[in-house]
Amino acid sequence: MRKRGSARAIETVVKDQGLISKRHAQICDAALKLFSRNGFHRTTVREIAGVCGLGIGTLYSYIKTKDDILRLVYRRILETFQARMLRATHEIQDPRLQLKVALGETLKIYDECEDAVLLLYQESRALGRQGLQGLFEVDRAYVRIFREILERGNIAGHFVVKEAHLLAVCILFLCAAWDMKRWNLQAYPLETVIDSLTSLVLHGISADAADEFPAG
């Protein structure tokens, strides 16, 4: 029995998990292009089927509703972000350097995936309650990466952070501003944004403002 409030799985006619993953990836790629260009409501399922090279009947073997496609896109975006962040930070022991790398990698991801990030913020209202729950679960996992770095820094005596979860959410929102406010930040190269945000966060939470942060 599924727990109340948990995300509903995407219902499929096909049961081959390998084929489902392959088709869902095709559908996500096509849908992201169309949703980013035309918006969720103005994009039809038939258009998505055409772009990903599937017949409309075949596509409906892998999803049940158009909302399912948006949920797939969101989940794939966030899980891709999370996996890339973990690869960039998992071998780093010093939480100060780990936070610095996590901030830089997140901003690089947001820079490369501007259309996807804007889609996340602009079209999430199109999801129903269950769809949003699934999105929230994946987003919480991404926030958890930053929260755990902050908590380790507290334990090690490097950071003074009273509300690690709150700050983790705020850090990610600041990173998202690079895409959401790009029109007002065009004069700044990405490296300048990374350096400025990293300095703001690290100096703001440092247990000793005189400490030098590790290079890297």
N, C-alpha and C. Protein backbone atom coordinates (compact mmCIF):
# COMPACT_ATOMS: atom_id res chain seq x y z
N MET A 1 0.84 -1.19 0.00
CA MET A 1 0.00 0.00 0.00
C MET A 1 0.89 1.25 0.00
N ARG A 2 0.56 2.23 -0.85
CA ARG A 2 1.35 3.45 -0.92
C ARG A 2 1.00 4.35 0.24
N LYS A 3 2.00 4.95 0.84
CA LYS A 3 1.76 5.85 1.97
C LYS A 3 1.05 7.09 1.49
N ARG A 4 0.18 7.63 2.36
CA ARG A 4 -0.51 8.85 2.03
C ARG A 4 0.49 9.99 1.89
N GLY A 5 0.33 10.76 0.79
CA GLY A 5 1.24 11.88 0.56
C GLY A 5 2.46 11.51 -0.25
N SER A 6 2.70 10.19 -0.50
CA SER A 6 3.85 9.81 -1.30
C SER A 6 3.55 10.01 -2.77
N ALA A 7 4.59 10.10 -3.59
CA ALA A 7 4.42 10.37 -5.01
C ALA A 7 3.84 9.16 -5.71
N ARG A 8 2.90 9.42 -6.63
CA ARG A 8 2.32 8.34 -7.42
C ARG A 8 3.28 7.95 -8.52
N ALA A 9 3.47 6.64 -8.70
CA ALA A 9 4.32 6.16 -9.78
C ALA A 9 3.64 6.42 -11.12
N ILE A 10 4.45 6.59 -12.17
CA ILE A 10 3.90 6.75 -13.51
C ILE A 10 3.37 5.40 -13.97
N GLU A 11 2.09 5.35 -14.31
CA GLU A 11 1.48 4.10 -14.76
C GLU A 11 1.84 3.83 -16.21
N THR A 12 2.24 2.60 -16.51
CA THR A 12 2.61 2.23 -17.88
C THR A 12 1.95 0.91 -18.25
N VAL A 13 1.67 0.76 -19.55
CA VAL A 13 1.16 -0.51 -20.07
C VAL A 13 2.34 -1.48 -20.21
N VAL A 14 3.45 -0.97 -20.70
CA VAL A 14 4.67 -1.76 -20.85
C VAL A 14 5.27 -2.04 -19.47
N LYS A 15 5.82 -3.24 -19.27
CA LYS A 15 6.37 -3.62 -17.97
C LYS A 15 7.88 -3.81 -17.99
N ASP A 16 8.50 -3.78 -19.16
CA ASP A 16 9.95 -3.93 -19.28
C ASP A 16 10.61 -2.66 -18.76
N GLN A 17 11.29 -2.73 -17.60
CA GLN A 17 11.84 -1.55 -16.97
C GLN A 17 12.92 -0.87 -17.80
N GLY A 18 13.72 -1.65 -18.51
CA GLY A 18 14.74 -1.07 -19.36
C GLY A 18 14.13 -0.26 -20.48
N LEU A 19 13.09 -0.80 -21.10
CA LEU A 19 12.42 -0.09 -22.19
C LEU A 19 11.67 1.12 -21.67
N ILE A 20 11.08 1.00 -20.50
CA ILE A 20 10.39 2.14 -19.90
C ILE A 20 11.37 3.29 -19.67
N SER A 21 12.54 2.98 -19.12
CA SER A 21 13.54 4.02 -18.87
C SER A 21 13.99 4.69 -20.16
N LYS A 22 14.18 3.89 -21.21
CA LYS A 22 14.61 4.42 -22.50
C LYS A 22 13.55 5.35 -23.08
N ARG A 23 12.30 4.90 -23.07
CA ARG A 23 11.21 5.70 -23.64
C ARG A 23 10.95 6.96 -22.81
N HIS A 24 11.02 6.82 -21.50
CA HIS A 24 10.81 8.00 -20.66
C HIS A 24 11.89 9.05 -20.92
N ALA A 25 13.12 8.62 -21.17
CA ALA A 25 14.19 9.57 -21.49
C ALA A 25 13.89 10.28 -22.81
N GLN A 26 13.41 9.53 -23.82
CA GLN A 26 13.04 10.13 -25.10
C GLN A 26 11.92 11.15 -24.91
N ILE A 27 10.92 10.77 -24.15
CA ILE A 27 9.77 11.64 -23.92
C ILE A 27 10.21 12.90 -23.18
N CYS A 28 11.07 12.75 -22.18
CA CYS A 28 11.56 13.90 -21.41
C CYS A 28 12.33 14.87 -22.29
N ASP A 29 13.21 14.37 -23.13
CA ASP A 29 14.01 15.23 -24.01
C ASP A 29 13.11 16.05 -24.93
N ALA A 30 12.13 15.38 -25.52
CA ALA A 30 11.22 16.07 -26.44
C ALA A 30 10.35 17.07 -25.70
N ALA A 31 9.82 16.65 -24.56
CA ALA A 31 8.92 17.52 -23.80
C ALA A 31 9.64 18.75 -23.27
N LEU A 32 10.87 18.60 -22.81
CA LEU A 32 11.62 19.75 -22.28
C LEU A 32 11.81 20.80 -23.37
N LYS A 33 12.14 20.38 -24.57
CA LYS A 33 12.29 21.33 -25.68
C LYS A 33 10.98 22.07 -25.95
N LEU A 34 9.89 21.32 -26.01
CA LEU A 34 8.60 21.93 -26.36
C LEU A 34 8.03 22.76 -25.23
N PHE A 35 8.12 22.26 -23.99
CA PHE A 35 7.62 23.03 -22.84
C PHE A 35 8.38 24.34 -22.68
N SER A 36 9.71 24.29 -22.88
CA SER A 36 10.53 25.49 -22.73
C SER A 36 10.21 26.51 -23.80
N ARG A 37 9.89 26.04 -25.00
CA ARG A 37 9.61 26.94 -26.12
C ARG A 37 8.17 27.45 -26.12
N ASN A 38 7.22 26.55 -25.84
CA ASN A 38 5.81 26.89 -26.02
C ASN A 38 5.02 26.96 -24.71
N GLY A 39 5.61 26.48 -23.61
CA GLY A 39 4.86 26.38 -22.36
C GLY A 39 4.13 25.05 -22.28
N PHE A 40 3.79 24.68 -21.07
CA PHE A 40 3.14 23.38 -20.85
C PHE A 40 1.76 23.32 -21.49
N HIS A 41 0.95 24.34 -21.27
CA HIS A 41 -0.44 24.29 -21.72
C HIS A 41 -0.58 24.37 -23.23
N ARG A 42 0.35 25.04 -23.90
CA ARG A 42 0.25 25.18 -25.36
C ARG A 42 0.90 24.02 -26.12
N THR A 43 1.53 23.12 -25.40
CA THR A 43 2.15 21.96 -26.03
C THR A 43 1.19 20.77 -25.96
N THR A 44 1.02 20.07 -27.07
CA THR A 44 0.13 18.91 -27.09
C THR A 44 0.93 17.62 -26.96
N VAL A 45 0.26 16.59 -26.49
CA VAL A 45 0.89 15.28 -26.38
C VAL A 45 1.28 14.77 -27.77
N ARG A 46 0.46 15.08 -28.76
CA ARG A 46 0.77 14.65 -30.13
C ARG A 46 2.07 15.29 -30.62
N GLU A 47 2.29 16.55 -30.28
CA GLU A 47 3.55 17.22 -30.66
C GLU A 47 4.74 16.54 -29.98
N ILE A 48 4.58 16.19 -28.71
CA ILE A 48 5.66 15.51 -28.00
C ILE A 48 5.96 14.17 -28.65
N ALA A 49 4.91 13.42 -28.99
CA ALA A 49 5.10 12.13 -29.65
C ALA A 49 5.85 12.29 -30.96
N GLY A 50 5.51 13.34 -31.72
CA GLY A 50 6.18 13.56 -33.00
C GLY A 50 7.65 13.87 -32.84
N VAL A 51 7.99 14.71 -31.87
CA VAL A 51 9.39 15.10 -31.68
C VAL A 51 10.23 13.92 -31.19
N CYS A 52 9.64 13.06 -30.34
CA CYS A 52 10.44 11.95 -29.83
C CYS A 52 10.34 10.71 -30.72
N GLY A 53 9.62 10.82 -31.84
CA GLY A 53 9.61 9.74 -32.83
C GLY A 53 8.75 8.54 -32.45
N LEU A 54 7.73 8.78 -31.63
CA LEU A 54 6.82 7.71 -31.24
C LEU A 54 5.42 8.01 -31.73
N GLY A 55 4.67 6.98 -32.05
CA GLY A 55 3.27 7.16 -32.36
C GLY A 55 2.51 7.55 -31.10
N ILE A 56 1.38 8.23 -31.26
CA ILE A 56 0.63 8.69 -30.10
C ILE A 56 0.17 7.52 -29.24
N GLY A 57 -0.21 6.42 -29.88
CA GLY A 57 -0.64 5.24 -29.13
C GLY A 57 0.52 4.62 -28.36
N THR A 58 1.69 4.58 -29.01
CA THR A 58 2.87 4.04 -28.34
C THR A 58 3.26 4.89 -27.15
N LEU A 59 3.20 6.21 -27.32
CA LEU A 59 3.56 7.10 -26.22
C LEU A 59 2.67 6.85 -25.01
N TYR A 60 1.37 6.63 -25.25
CA TYR A 60 0.45 6.41 -24.14
C TYR A 60 0.63 5.03 -23.49
N SER A 61 1.51 4.21 -24.05
CA SER A 61 1.88 2.97 -23.38
C SER A 61 2.87 3.22 -22.24
N TYR A 62 3.46 4.43 -22.25
CA TYR A 62 4.50 4.76 -21.26
C TYR A 62 4.09 5.85 -20.28
N ILE A 63 3.00 6.53 -20.56
CA ILE A 63 2.44 7.52 -19.63
C ILE A 63 0.92 7.41 -19.69
N LYS A 64 0.27 7.99 -18.70
CA LYS A 64 -1.19 7.95 -18.70
C LYS A 64 -1.79 9.31 -19.03
N THR A 65 -1.15 10.39 -18.56
CA THR A 65 -1.67 11.74 -18.76
C THR A 65 -0.54 12.69 -19.16
N LYS A 66 -0.93 13.85 -19.64
CA LYS A 66 0.06 14.89 -19.96
C LYS A 66 0.78 15.35 -18.70
N ASP A 67 0.08 15.39 -17.57
CA ASP A 67 0.73 15.74 -16.31
C ASP A 67 1.86 14.77 -15.97
N ASP A 68 1.70 13.49 -16.34
CA ASP A 68 2.75 12.51 -16.11
C ASP A 68 4.04 12.93 -16.81
N ILE A 69 3.90 13.49 -18.01
CA ILE A 69 5.09 13.91 -18.77
C ILE A 69 5.81 15.03 -18.04
N LEU A 70 5.06 15.99 -17.53
CA LEU A 70 5.68 17.10 -16.79
C LEU A 70 6.36 16.58 -15.53
N ARG A 71 5.72 15.63 -14.85
CA ARG A 71 6.32 15.03 -13.66
C ARG A 71 7.62 14.31 -14.01
N LEU A 72 7.62 13.59 -15.14
CA LEU A 72 8.84 12.89 -15.58
C LEU A 72 9.96 13.89 -15.84
N VAL A 73 9.62 14.99 -16.51
CA VAL A 73 10.61 16.00 -16.84
C VAL A 73 11.20 16.59 -15.55
N TYR A 74 10.35 16.95 -14.61
CA TYR A 74 10.82 17.54 -13.36
C TYR A 74 11.72 16.57 -12.60
N ARG A 75 11.25 15.34 -12.50
CA ARG A 75 12.02 14.35 -11.74
C ARG A 75 13.39 14.12 -12.38
N ARG A 76 13.41 14.05 -13.69
CA ARG A 76 14.68 13.80 -14.38
C ARG A 76 15.63 14.98 -14.20
N ILE A 77 15.12 16.21 -14.31
CA ILE A 77 15.95 17.39 -14.13
C ILE A 77 16.59 17.39 -12.74
N LEU A 78 15.77 17.22 -11.71
CA LEU A 78 16.27 17.32 -10.34
C LEU A 78 17.20 16.16 -9.99
N GLU A 79 16.87 14.96 -10.47
CA GLU A 79 17.74 13.82 -10.18
C GLU A 79 19.09 13.95 -10.90
N THR A 80 19.08 14.53 -12.11
CA THR A 80 20.32 14.78 -12.83
C THR A 80 21.18 15.80 -12.09
N PHE A 81 20.54 16.88 -11.60
CA PHE A 81 21.25 17.88 -10.82
C PHE A 81 21.87 17.25 -9.58
N GLN A 82 21.08 16.46 -8.89
CA GLN A 82 21.54 15.84 -7.64
C GLN A 82 22.73 14.92 -7.89
N ALA A 83 22.65 14.08 -8.94
CA ALA A 83 23.73 13.14 -9.24
C ALA A 83 25.02 13.88 -9.58
N ARG A 84 24.90 14.96 -10.32
CA ARG A 84 26.09 15.72 -10.70
C ARG A 84 26.72 16.40 -9.49
N MET A 85 25.89 16.91 -8.60
CA MET A 85 26.40 17.53 -7.37
C MET A 85 27.14 16.53 -6.52
N LEU A 86 26.57 15.34 -6.38
CA LEU A 86 27.21 14.31 -5.55
C LEU A 86 28.55 13.88 -6.13
N ARG A 87 28.63 13.77 -7.45
CA ARG A 87 29.90 13.41 -8.10
C ARG A 87 30.96 14.46 -7.83
N ALA A 88 30.55 15.71 -7.81
CA ALA A 88 31.52 16.81 -7.64
C ALA A 88 32.03 16.92 -6.21
N THR A 89 31.24 16.45 -5.23
CA THR A 89 31.58 16.74 -3.83
C THR A 89 31.89 15.51 -2.98
N HIS A 90 31.64 14.30 -3.47
CA HIS A 90 31.63 13.14 -2.57
C HIS A 90 33.00 12.78 -2.00
N GLU A 91 34.10 13.15 -2.68
CA GLU A 91 35.42 12.78 -2.17
C GLU A 91 36.06 13.88 -1.34
N ILE A 92 35.38 14.99 -1.15
CA ILE A 92 35.92 16.13 -0.41
C ILE A 92 35.56 15.98 1.07
N GLN A 93 36.54 16.07 1.94
CA GLN A 93 36.32 15.90 3.37
C GLN A 93 36.07 17.23 4.10
N ASP A 94 36.76 18.28 3.70
CA ASP A 94 36.63 19.57 4.37
C ASP A 94 35.28 20.19 3.98
N PRO A 95 34.38 20.42 4.95
CA PRO A 95 33.06 20.96 4.60
C PRO A 95 33.11 22.35 4.00
N ARG A 96 34.14 23.14 4.30
CA ARG A 96 34.27 24.46 3.69
C ARG A 96 34.52 24.34 2.20
N LEU A 97 35.46 23.48 1.83
CA LEU A 97 35.75 23.27 0.42
C LEU A 97 34.58 22.56 -0.27
N GLN A 98 33.95 21.65 0.45
CA GLN A 98 32.81 20.94 -0.12
C GLN A 98 31.67 21.91 -0.45
N LEU A 99 31.41 22.85 0.45
CA LEU A 99 30.37 23.85 0.20
C LEU A 99 30.75 24.75 -0.97
N LYS A 100 32.02 25.13 -1.02
CA LYS A 100 32.49 25.97 -2.12
C LYS A 100 32.30 25.27 -3.46
N VAL A 101 32.66 23.99 -3.53
CA VAL A 101 32.51 23.22 -4.77
C VAL A 101 31.04 23.02 -5.10
N ALA A 102 30.21 22.74 -4.08
CA ALA A 102 28.78 22.53 -4.30
C ALA A 102 28.11 23.78 -4.86
N LEU A 103 28.47 24.94 -4.33
CA LEU A 103 27.93 26.19 -4.84
C LEU A 103 28.34 26.42 -6.30
N GLY A 104 29.62 26.23 -6.57
CA GLY A 104 30.11 26.43 -7.93
C GLY A 104 29.48 25.48 -8.92
N GLU A 105 29.36 24.21 -8.53
CA GLU A 105 28.78 23.21 -9.43
C GLU A 105 27.30 23.49 -9.68
N THR A 106 26.59 23.90 -8.63
CA THR A 106 25.17 24.21 -8.80
C THR A 106 24.98 25.37 -9.77
N LEU A 107 25.78 26.41 -9.63
CA LEU A 107 25.66 27.55 -10.54
C LEU A 107 26.03 27.16 -11.97
N LYS A 108 27.02 26.30 -12.13
CA LYS A 108 27.37 25.82 -13.48
C LYS A 108 26.23 25.02 -14.09
N ILE A 109 25.60 24.16 -13.27
CA ILE A 109 24.45 23.38 -13.75
C ILE A 109 23.32 24.32 -14.16
N TYR A 110 23.03 25.30 -13.31
CA TYR A 110 21.95 26.23 -13.62
C TYR A 110 22.26 27.05 -14.87
N ASP A 111 23.53 27.35 -15.08
CA ASP A 111 23.92 28.09 -16.27
C ASP A 111 23.71 27.25 -17.53
N GLU A 112 24.11 25.98 -17.46
CA GLU A 112 23.98 25.09 -18.62
C GLU A 112 22.53 24.69 -18.89
N CYS A 113 21.72 24.67 -17.84
CA CYS A 113 20.35 24.15 -17.95
C CYS A 113 19.33 25.25 -17.67
N GLU A 114 19.57 26.43 -18.20
CA GLU A 114 18.70 27.58 -17.92
C GLU A 114 17.24 27.29 -18.26
N ASP A 115 17.00 26.70 -19.43
CA ASP A 115 15.62 26.41 -19.84
C ASP A 115 14.93 25.47 -18.86
N ALA A 116 15.69 24.47 -18.39
CA ALA A 116 15.11 23.50 -17.45
C ALA A 116 14.78 24.15 -16.11
N VAL A 117 15.67 25.01 -15.62
CA VAL A 117 15.44 25.67 -14.34
C VAL A 117 14.23 26.59 -14.42
N LEU A 118 14.13 27.36 -15.49
CA LEU A 118 12.98 28.25 -15.66
C LEU A 118 11.69 27.46 -15.76
N LEU A 119 11.75 26.32 -16.44
CA LEU A 119 10.57 25.46 -16.53
C LEU A 119 10.14 25.00 -15.15
N LEU A 120 11.09 24.62 -14.31
CA LEU A 120 10.77 24.17 -12.95
C LEU A 120 9.97 25.22 -12.20
N TYR A 121 10.40 26.47 -12.31
CA TYR A 121 9.74 27.54 -11.55
C TYR A 121 8.45 28.02 -12.20
N GLN A 122 8.39 28.01 -13.53
CA GLN A 122 7.25 28.60 -14.22
C GLN A 122 6.05 27.67 -14.35
N GLU A 123 6.31 26.38 -14.51
CA GLU A 123 5.21 25.46 -14.84
C GLU A 123 4.82 24.50 -13.72
N SER A 124 5.48 24.59 -12.55
CA SER A 124 5.14 23.65 -11.49
C SER A 124 3.68 23.79 -11.05
N ARG A 125 3.09 24.97 -11.23
CA ARG A 125 1.69 25.16 -10.85
C ARG A 125 0.76 24.28 -11.68
N ALA A 126 1.24 23.78 -12.82
CA ALA A 126 0.40 22.92 -13.67
C ALA A 126 0.24 21.52 -13.09
N LEU A 127 1.08 21.15 -12.14
CA LEU A 127 1.00 19.82 -11.54
C LEU A 127 -0.11 19.77 -10.49
N GLY A 128 -0.72 18.61 -10.39
CA GLY A 128 -1.69 18.40 -9.32
C GLY A 128 -1.00 18.15 -8.00
N ARG A 129 -1.80 17.87 -6.98
CA ARG A 129 -1.25 17.69 -5.64
C ARG A 129 -0.25 16.54 -5.58
N GLN A 130 -0.58 15.41 -6.20
CA GLN A 130 0.32 14.26 -6.16
C GLN A 130 1.58 14.52 -6.96
N GLY A 131 1.44 15.21 -8.09
CA GLY A 131 2.60 15.55 -8.89
C GLY A 131 3.55 16.47 -8.15
N LEU A 132 2.99 17.45 -7.46
CA LEU A 132 3.82 18.36 -6.67
C LEU A 132 4.51 17.62 -5.53
N GLN A 133 3.83 16.65 -4.94
CA GLN A 133 4.44 15.88 -3.86
C GLN A 133 5.70 15.17 -4.35
N GLY A 134 5.62 14.59 -5.56
CA GLY A 134 6.79 13.92 -6.13
C GLY A 134 7.92 14.89 -6.38
N LEU A 135 7.57 16.08 -6.89
CA LEU A 135 8.57 17.12 -7.13
C LEU A 135 9.22 17.56 -5.81
N PHE A 136 8.41 17.74 -4.77
CA PHE A 136 8.93 18.17 -3.48
C PHE A 136 9.90 17.13 -2.91
N GLU A 137 9.59 15.86 -3.08
CA GLU A 137 10.45 14.81 -2.53
C GLU A 137 11.84 14.85 -3.15
N VAL A 138 11.91 15.05 -4.47
CA VAL A 138 13.20 15.11 -5.13
C VAL A 138 13.93 16.40 -4.76
N ASP A 139 13.19 17.50 -4.67
CA ASP A 139 13.79 18.78 -4.29
C ASP A 139 14.37 18.72 -2.89
N ARG A 140 13.65 18.04 -1.97
CA ARG A 140 14.16 17.91 -0.60
C ARG A 140 15.48 17.15 -0.57
N ALA A 141 15.62 16.17 -1.46
CA ALA A 141 16.88 15.41 -1.52
C ALA A 141 18.03 16.32 -1.93
N TYR A 142 17.75 17.25 -2.85
CA TYR A 142 18.78 18.20 -3.31
C TYR A 142 19.14 19.16 -2.18
N VAL A 143 18.13 19.65 -1.49
CA VAL A 143 18.36 20.54 -0.34
C VAL A 143 19.17 19.82 0.73
N ARG A 144 18.89 18.52 0.91
CA ARG A 144 19.56 17.74 1.95
C ARG A 144 21.08 17.73 1.75
N ILE A 145 21.54 17.74 0.50
CA ILE A 145 22.97 17.74 0.23
C ILE A 145 23.62 18.96 0.89
N PHE A 146 23.04 20.13 0.67
CA PHE A 146 23.58 21.35 1.26
C PHE A 146 23.42 21.35 2.77
N ARG A 147 22.26 20.90 3.24
CA ARG A 147 22.02 20.90 4.68
C ARG A 147 23.05 20.04 5.41
N GLU A 148 23.37 18.89 4.86
CA GLU A 148 24.32 18.00 5.52
C GLU A 148 25.74 18.57 5.50
N ILE A 149 26.09 19.28 4.43
CA ILE A 149 27.40 19.95 4.40
C ILE A 149 27.46 21.00 5.51
N LEU A 150 26.40 21.78 5.63
CA LEU A 150 26.36 22.82 6.67
C LEU A 150 26.43 22.21 8.07
N GLU A 151 25.72 21.10 8.27
CA GLU A 151 25.73 20.45 9.58
C GLU A 151 27.12 19.90 9.91
N ARG A 152 27.81 19.34 8.91
CA ARG A 152 29.17 18.85 9.14
C ARG A 152 30.10 20.00 9.48
N GLY A 153 29.90 21.13 8.81
CA GLY A 153 30.72 22.30 9.12
C GLY A 153 30.49 22.82 10.52
N ASN A 154 29.24 22.74 10.98
CA ASN A 154 28.94 23.12 12.37
C ASN A 154 29.68 22.21 13.35
N ILE A 155 29.58 20.91 13.11
CA ILE A 155 30.20 19.93 14.01
C ILE A 155 31.71 20.11 14.06
N ALA A 156 32.30 20.42 12.87
CA ALA A 156 33.76 20.59 12.80
C ALA A 156 34.21 21.93 13.36
N GLY A 157 33.27 22.81 13.66
CA GLY A 157 33.63 24.11 14.22
C GLY A 157 33.97 25.16 13.18
N HIS A 158 33.72 24.86 11.91
CA HIS A 158 34.02 25.81 10.84
C HIS A 158 32.89 26.81 10.61
N PHE A 159 31.64 26.35 10.80
CA PHE A 159 30.47 27.19 10.51
C PHE A 159 29.70 27.47 11.80
N VAL A 160 28.96 28.57 11.76
CA VAL A 160 27.98 28.86 12.80
C VAL A 160 26.64 29.06 12.08
N VAL A 161 25.89 27.98 11.98
CA VAL A 161 24.61 28.00 11.27
C VAL A 161 23.53 27.49 12.22
N LYS A 162 22.58 28.36 12.56
CA LYS A 162 21.53 27.97 13.50
C LYS A 162 20.46 27.12 12.81
N GLU A 163 20.12 27.44 11.59
CA GLU A 163 19.06 26.73 10.87
C GLU A 163 19.62 26.22 9.54
N ALA A 164 20.19 25.02 9.57
CA ALA A 164 20.87 24.50 8.38
C ALA A 164 19.91 24.27 7.22
N HIS A 165 18.71 23.77 7.52
CA HIS A 165 17.74 23.52 6.44
C HIS A 165 17.32 24.83 5.78
N LEU A 166 17.02 25.83 6.59
CA LEU A 166 16.61 27.13 6.06
C LEU A 166 17.69 27.72 5.18
N LEU A 167 18.92 27.68 5.64
CA LEU A 167 20.02 28.26 4.85
C LEU A 167 20.23 27.46 3.56
N ALA A 168 20.08 26.14 3.61
CA ALA A 168 20.24 25.32 2.40
C ALA A 168 19.22 25.72 1.34
N VAL A 169 17.97 25.94 1.77
CA VAL A 169 16.93 26.37 0.83
C VAL A 169 17.27 27.74 0.25
N CYS A 170 17.73 28.64 1.11
CA CYS A 170 18.07 30.00 0.66
C CYS A 170 19.24 29.99 -0.32
N ILE A 171 20.23 29.15 -0.07
CA ILE A 171 21.38 29.05 -0.97
C ILE A 171 20.94 28.62 -2.36
N LEU A 172 20.07 27.62 -2.43
CA LEU A 172 19.60 27.14 -3.73
C LEU A 172 18.76 28.19 -4.43
N PHE A 173 18.00 28.96 -3.66
CA PHE A 173 17.21 30.03 -4.28
C PHE A 173 18.13 31.11 -4.85
N LEU A 174 19.20 31.43 -4.13
CA LEU A 174 20.16 32.40 -4.64
C LEU A 174 20.81 31.91 -5.94
N CYS A 175 21.10 30.62 -5.99
CA CYS A 175 21.67 30.05 -7.22
C CYS A 175 20.68 30.16 -8.38
N ALA A 176 19.41 29.90 -8.09
CA ALA A 176 18.39 29.97 -9.13
C ALA A 176 18.21 31.38 -9.67
N ALA A 177 18.56 32.39 -8.88
CA ALA A 177 18.45 33.78 -9.34
C ALA A 177 19.32 34.04 -10.57
N TRP A 178 20.38 33.25 -10.75
CA TRP A 178 21.23 33.41 -11.94
C TRP A 178 20.42 33.20 -13.21
N ASP A 179 19.44 32.30 -13.17
CA ASP A 179 18.57 32.08 -14.33
C ASP A 179 17.35 33.00 -14.30
N MET A 180 16.76 33.15 -13.13
CA MET A 180 15.52 33.91 -13.04
C MET A 180 15.72 35.41 -13.24
N LYS A 181 16.93 35.90 -12.90
CA LYS A 181 17.24 37.33 -13.04
C LYS A 181 18.35 37.56 -14.06
N ARG A 182 18.50 36.63 -15.00
CA ARG A 182 19.60 36.74 -15.98
C ARG A 182 19.55 38.06 -16.75
N TRP A 183 18.34 38.55 -16.99
CA TRP A 183 18.18 39.80 -17.73
C TRP A 183 18.86 40.97 -17.02
N ASN A 184 19.00 40.87 -15.69
CA ASN A 184 19.61 41.95 -14.91
C ASN A 184 21.05 41.64 -14.51
N LEU A 185 21.56 40.49 -14.98
CA LEU A 185 22.91 40.07 -14.59
C LEU A 185 23.80 39.82 -15.81
N GLN A 186 23.38 40.33 -16.95
CA GLN A 186 24.11 40.05 -18.19
C GLN A 186 25.52 40.60 -18.20
N ALA A 187 25.78 41.60 -17.37
CA ALA A 187 27.12 42.21 -17.36
C ALA A 187 28.13 41.35 -16.60
N TYR A 188 27.67 40.31 -15.91
CA TYR A 188 28.55 39.53 -15.05
C TYR A 188 28.81 38.14 -15.64
N PRO A 189 30.08 37.79 -15.82
CA PRO A 189 30.39 36.42 -16.25
C PRO A 189 30.09 35.43 -15.14
N LEU A 190 29.91 34.18 -15.51
CA LEU A 190 29.55 33.14 -14.55
C LEU A 190 30.57 33.05 -13.41
N GLU A 191 31.85 33.11 -13.71
CA GLU A 191 32.87 32.98 -12.66
C GLU A 191 32.76 34.08 -11.61
N THR A 192 32.39 35.28 -12.04
CA THR A 192 32.21 36.37 -11.09
C THR A 192 31.03 36.09 -10.17
N VAL A 193 29.95 35.55 -10.73
CA VAL A 193 28.77 35.20 -9.93
C VAL A 193 29.13 34.12 -8.92
N ILE A 194 29.87 33.10 -9.37
CA ILE A 194 30.29 32.02 -8.47
C ILE A 194 31.14 32.56 -7.34
N ASP A 195 32.14 33.37 -7.67
CA ASP A 195 33.04 33.92 -6.64
C ASP A 195 32.28 34.80 -5.65
N SER A 196 31.36 35.62 -6.15
CA SER A 196 30.63 36.55 -5.27
C SER A 196 29.69 35.81 -4.33
N LEU A 197 28.95 34.83 -4.86
CA LEU A 197 28.02 34.09 -4.02
C LEU A 197 28.76 33.21 -3.01
N THR A 198 29.86 32.60 -3.46
CA THR A 198 30.66 31.77 -2.56
C THR A 198 31.22 32.60 -1.40
N SER A 199 31.73 33.77 -1.72
CA SER A 199 32.28 34.65 -0.69
C SER A 199 31.19 35.09 0.28
N LEU A 200 30.03 35.45 -0.24
CA LEU A 200 28.91 35.87 0.60
C LEU A 200 28.52 34.78 1.60
N VAL A 201 28.37 33.55 1.10
CA VAL A 201 27.90 32.46 1.95
C VAL A 201 28.98 32.04 2.95
N LEU A 202 30.19 31.78 2.45
CA LEU A 202 31.25 31.28 3.32
C LEU A 202 31.63 32.28 4.41
N HIS A 203 31.77 33.54 4.06
CA HIS A 203 32.11 34.53 5.07
C HIS A 203 30.95 34.78 6.02
N GLY A 204 29.74 34.64 5.51
CA GLY A 204 28.56 34.87 6.35
C GLY A 204 28.37 33.83 7.43
N ILE A 205 28.83 32.60 7.20
CA ILE A 205 28.59 31.53 8.18
C ILE A 205 29.87 31.08 8.88
N SER A 206 31.00 31.70 8.55
CA SER A 206 32.27 31.28 9.14
C SER A 206 32.30 31.46 10.65
N ALA A 207 32.81 30.44 11.34
CA ALA A 207 32.95 30.54 12.80
C ALA A 207 34.03 31.56 13.16
N ASP A 208 34.92 31.80 12.24
CA ASP A 208 35.99 32.77 12.46
C ASP A 208 36.23 33.49 11.15
N ALA A 209 35.81 34.72 11.07
CA ALA A 209 35.91 35.47 9.81
C ALA A 209 37.34 35.62 9.35
N ALA A 210 38.30 35.41 10.22
CA ALA A 210 39.70 35.55 9.86
C ALA A 210 40.25 34.28 9.20
N ASP A 211 39.51 33.17 9.28
CA ASP A 211 39.97 31.93 8.68
C ASP A 211 40.12 32.08 7.18
N GLU A 212 41.12 31.45 6.64
CA GLU A 212 41.26 31.40 5.19
C GLU A 212 40.60 30.13 4.69
N PHE A 213 39.80 30.26 3.64
CA PHE A 213 39.10 29.11 3.12
C PHE A 213 40.02 28.39 2.15
N PRO A 214 39.95 27.07 2.14
CA PRO A 214 40.84 26.27 1.28
C PRO A 214 40.62 26.58 -0.20
N ALA A 215 41.69 26.64 -0.94
CA ALA A 215 41.58 26.88 -2.39
C ALA A 215 41.11 25.61 -3.07
N GLY A 216 40.54 25.76 -4.24
CA GLY A 216 40.11 24.58 -4.99
C GLY A 216 38.85 24.85 -5.74
